[in-house]
Amino acid sequence: MDDNLTAAVAKALAHPTRLQILRLLASQTECRGADVFSELPLAQSTVSEHLRILKHAELISSRPETSGNGMVYCLNPRAFEDLIAALSGITAASICNPTGRC
C-alpha cells in the first residue's frame, strides 16, 4: 500500500459513522444501500458521502443491484490486510525500543 492510499485509509477510518458502516458491512457478505441508509440516523446524502469516502479508500466496493434500483456494498478485507502490513512496516523499521522510548 503506498503512502497516499495509506493516508486515505487512515482518513476514512477517522470518523465514527464510517466505522459504524464498516462494522455493518463486516457483519454481512453484502449489504444493499437502502439497508445501510436505514441503519443510520443521518440523511441519505450524508451516508452516501461516507460511502464514497470508504470506496475511495478502497475499504469497500460496490455494484449495482440486480434490479437496477440501487447499489450493493461489501467490505474489502484485502484493504485491511494491506493497512496492517503498511503499519507493521513502519513499526518494524522503528529504532525505538518496544516501550516506545527512544
C-alpha atoms as a PDB file:
ATOM      1  CA  MET A   1       0.000   0.000   0.000  1.00  0.00           C
ATOM      2  CA  ASP A   2       1.541   3.329  -0.998  1.00  0.00           C
ATOM      3  CA  ASP A   3       1.598   6.311   1.345  1.00  0.00           C
ATOM      4  CA  ASN A   4      -1.244   8.131  -0.460  1.00  0.00           C
ATOM      5  CA  LEU A   5      -3.598   5.189  -0.106  1.00  0.00           C
ATOM      6  CA  THR A   6      -2.489   4.598   3.495  1.00  0.00           C
ATOM      7  CA  ALA A   7      -3.331   8.235   4.268  1.00  0.00           C
ATOM      8  CA  ALA A   8      -6.727   7.914   2.532  1.00  0.00           C
ATOM      9  CA  VAL A   9      -7.487   4.787   4.556  1.00  0.00           C
ATOM     10  CA  ALA A  10      -6.449   6.481   7.808  1.00  0.00           C
ATOM     11  CA  LYS A  11      -8.662   9.465   6.982  1.00  0.00           C
ATOM     12  CA  ALA A  12     -11.584   7.183   6.127  1.00  0.00           C
ATOM     13  CA  LEU A  13     -11.200   5.328   9.431  1.00  0.00           C
ATOM     14  CA  ALA A  14     -11.098   8.585  11.406  1.00  0.00           C
ATOM     15  CA  HIS A  15     -14.870   9.099  11.537  1.00  0.00           C
ATOM     16  CA  PRO A  16     -17.257   7.220  13.860  1.00  0.00           C
ATOM     17  CA  THR A  17     -20.006   6.942  11.231  1.00  0.00           C
ATOM     18  CA  ARG A  18     -17.639   5.344   8.746  1.00  0.00           C
ATOM     19  CA  LEU A  19     -16.513   2.858  11.395  1.00  0.00           C
ATOM     20  CA  GLN A  20     -20.177   2.067  12.044  1.00  0.00           C
ATOM     21  CA  ILE A  21     -20.726   1.463   8.324  1.00  0.00           C
ATOM     22  CA  LEU A  22     -17.680  -0.821   8.193  1.00  0.00           C
ATOM     23  CA  ARG A  23     -18.976  -2.844  11.148  1.00  0.00           C
ATOM     24  CA  LEU A  24     -22.358  -3.162   9.459  1.00  0.00           C
ATOM     25  CA  LEU A  25     -20.763  -4.365   6.230  1.00  0.00           C
ATOM     26  CA  ALA A  26     -18.422  -6.729   8.107  1.00  0.00           C
ATOM     27  CA  SER A  27     -21.437  -8.480   9.621  1.00  0.00           C
ATOM     28  CA  GLN A  28     -22.802  -9.406   6.171  1.00  0.00           C
ATOM     29  CA  THR A  29     -21.471 -10.757   2.892  1.00  0.00           C
ATOM     30  CA  GLU A  30     -23.070  -7.807   1.126  1.00  0.00           C
ATOM     31  CA  CYS A  31     -25.468  -5.046   2.029  1.00  0.00           C
ATOM     32  CA  ARG A  32     -27.961  -3.067  -0.026  1.00  0.00           C
ATOM     33  CA  GLY A  33     -27.505   0.681   0.078  1.00  0.00           C
ATOM     34  CA  ALA A  34     -31.066   1.082   1.334  1.00  0.00           C
ATOM     35  CA  ASP A  35     -30.210  -1.110   4.325  1.00  0.00           C
ATOM     36  CA  VAL A  36     -27.149   0.999   5.115  1.00  0.00           C
ATOM     37  CA  PHE A  37     -29.258   4.161   4.910  1.00  0.00           C
ATOM     38  CA  SER A  38     -31.934   2.717   7.198  1.00  0.00           C
ATOM     39  CA  GLU A  39     -29.393   1.714   9.867  1.00  0.00           C
ATOM     40  CA  LEU A  40     -28.039   5.222  10.368  1.00  0.00           C
ATOM     41  CA  PRO A  41     -29.897   8.265  11.738  1.00  0.00           C
ATOM     42  CA  LEU A  42     -28.455  10.500   9.004  1.00  0.00           C
ATOM     43  CA  ALA A  43     -29.634  11.961   5.739  1.00  0.00           C
ATOM     44  CA  GLN A  44     -29.158   9.684   2.746  1.00  0.00           C
ATOM     45  CA  SER A  45     -26.835  12.252   1.174  1.00  0.00           C
ATOM     46  CA  THR A  46     -24.617  12.207   4.268  1.00  0.00           C
ATOM     47  CA  VAL A  47     -24.430   8.407   4.294  1.00  0.00           C
ATOM     48  CA  SER A  48     -23.691   8.456   0.560  1.00  0.00           C
ATOM     49  CA  GLU A  49     -20.758  10.787   1.184  1.00  0.00           C
ATOM     50  CA  HIS A  50     -19.389   8.456   3.865  1.00  0.00           C
ATOM     51  CA  LEU A  51     -19.753   5.513   1.474  1.00  0.00           C
ATOM     52  CA  ARG A  52     -17.940   7.494  -1.222  1.00  0.00           C
ATOM     53  CA  ILE A  53     -15.004   8.154   1.109  1.00  0.00           C
ATOM     54  CA  LEU A  54     -14.825   4.494   2.129  1.00  0.00           C
ATOM     55  CA  LYS A  55     -14.927   3.451  -1.508  1.00  0.00           C
ATOM     56  CA  HIS A  56     -12.217   5.977  -2.454  1.00  0.00           C
ATOM     57  CA  ALA A  57     -10.024   4.478   0.282  1.00  0.00           C
ATOM     58  CA  GLU A  58     -10.746   1.031  -1.213  1.00  0.00           C
ATOM     59  CA  LEU A  59     -12.141  -0.205   2.103  1.00  0.00           C
ATOM     60  CA  ILE A  60     -15.423  -1.157   0.423  1.00  0.00           C
ATOM     61  CA  SER A  61     -16.607  -1.996  -3.054  1.00  0.00           C
ATOM     62  CA  SER A  62     -19.988  -1.660  -4.682  1.00  0.00           C
ATOM     63  CA  ARG A  63     -22.011  -2.917  -7.609  1.00  0.00           C
ATOM     64  CA  PRO A  64     -25.467  -2.129  -8.935  1.00  0.00           C
ATOM     65  CA  GLU A  65     -28.335  -4.156  -7.503  1.00  0.00           C
ATOM     66  CA  THR A  66     -29.632  -6.785  -9.904  1.00  0.00           C
ATOM     67  CA  SER A  67     -32.944  -4.914 -10.024  1.00  0.00           C
ATOM     68  CA  GLY A  68     -31.030  -1.792 -11.058  1.00  0.00           C
ATOM     69  CA  ASN A  69     -32.525   0.356  -8.294  1.00  0.00           C
ATOM     70  CA  GLY A  70     -29.556   0.972  -6.042  1.00  0.00           C
ATOM     71  CA  MET A  71     -26.171  -0.305  -5.001  1.00  0.00           C
ATOM     72  CA  VAL A  72     -24.889  -3.274  -3.052  1.00  0.00           C
ATOM     73  CA  TYR A  73     -21.847  -2.724  -0.836  1.00  0.00           C
ATOM     74  CA  CYS A  74     -19.340  -5.118   0.628  1.00  0.00           C
ATOM     75  CA  LEU A  75     -16.204  -4.905   2.713  1.00  0.00           C
ATOM     76  CA  ASN A  76     -12.804  -5.271   1.068  1.00  0.00           C
ATOM     77  CA  PRO A  77     -10.823  -7.390   3.575  1.00  0.00           C
ATOM     78  CA  ARG A  78      -7.663  -7.090   1.472  1.00  0.00           C
ATOM     79  CA  ALA A  79      -7.538  -3.336   2.180  1.00  0.00           C
ATOM     80  CA  PHE A  80      -7.401  -4.034   5.916  1.00  0.00           C
ATOM     81  CA  GLU A  81      -4.670  -6.628   5.426  1.00  0.00           C
ATOM     82  CA  ASP A  82      -2.681  -4.105   3.357  1.00  0.00           C
ATOM     83  CA  LEU A  83      -3.136  -1.435   6.049  1.00  0.00           C
ATOM     84  CA  ILE A  84      -1.895  -3.793   8.756  1.00  0.00           C
ATOM     85  CA  ALA A  85       1.133  -4.632   6.607  1.00  0.00           C
ATOM     86  CA  ALA A  86       1.863  -0.938   5.962  1.00  0.00           C
ATOM     87  CA  LEU A  87       1.653  -0.074   9.651  1.00  0.00           C
ATOM     88  CA  SER A  88       3.728  -3.116  10.590  1.00  0.00           C
ATOM     89  CA  GLY A  89       6.363  -1.949   8.130  1.00  0.00           C
ATOM     90  CA  ILE A  90       6.556   1.386   9.919  1.00  0.00           C
ATOM     91  CA  THR A  91       6.892  -0.173  13.355  1.00  0.00           C
ATOM     92  CA  ALA A  92       9.371  -2.801  12.128  1.00  0.00           C
ATOM     93  CA  ALA A  93      11.647  -0.017  10.900  1.00  0.00           C
ATOM     94  CA  SER A  94      11.491   1.783  14.252  1.00  0.00           C
ATOM     95  CA  ILE A  95      14.742   2.321  16.128  1.00  0.00           C
ATOM     96  CA  CYS A  96      12.819   2.865  19.358  1.00  0.00           C
ATOM     97  CA  ASN A  97      12.645   0.114  21.915  1.00  0.00           C
ATOM     98  CA  PRO A  98       9.322  -1.744  22.396  1.00  0.00           C
ATOM     99  CA  THR A  99       8.217   0.615  25.185  1.00  0.00           C
ATOM    100  CA  GLY A 100       8.126   3.489  22.697  1.00  0.00           C
ATOM    101  CA  ARG A 101      11.013   5.314  24.326  1.00  0.00           C
ATOM    102  CA  CYS A 102      13.956   6.252  22.110  1.00  0.00           C
END
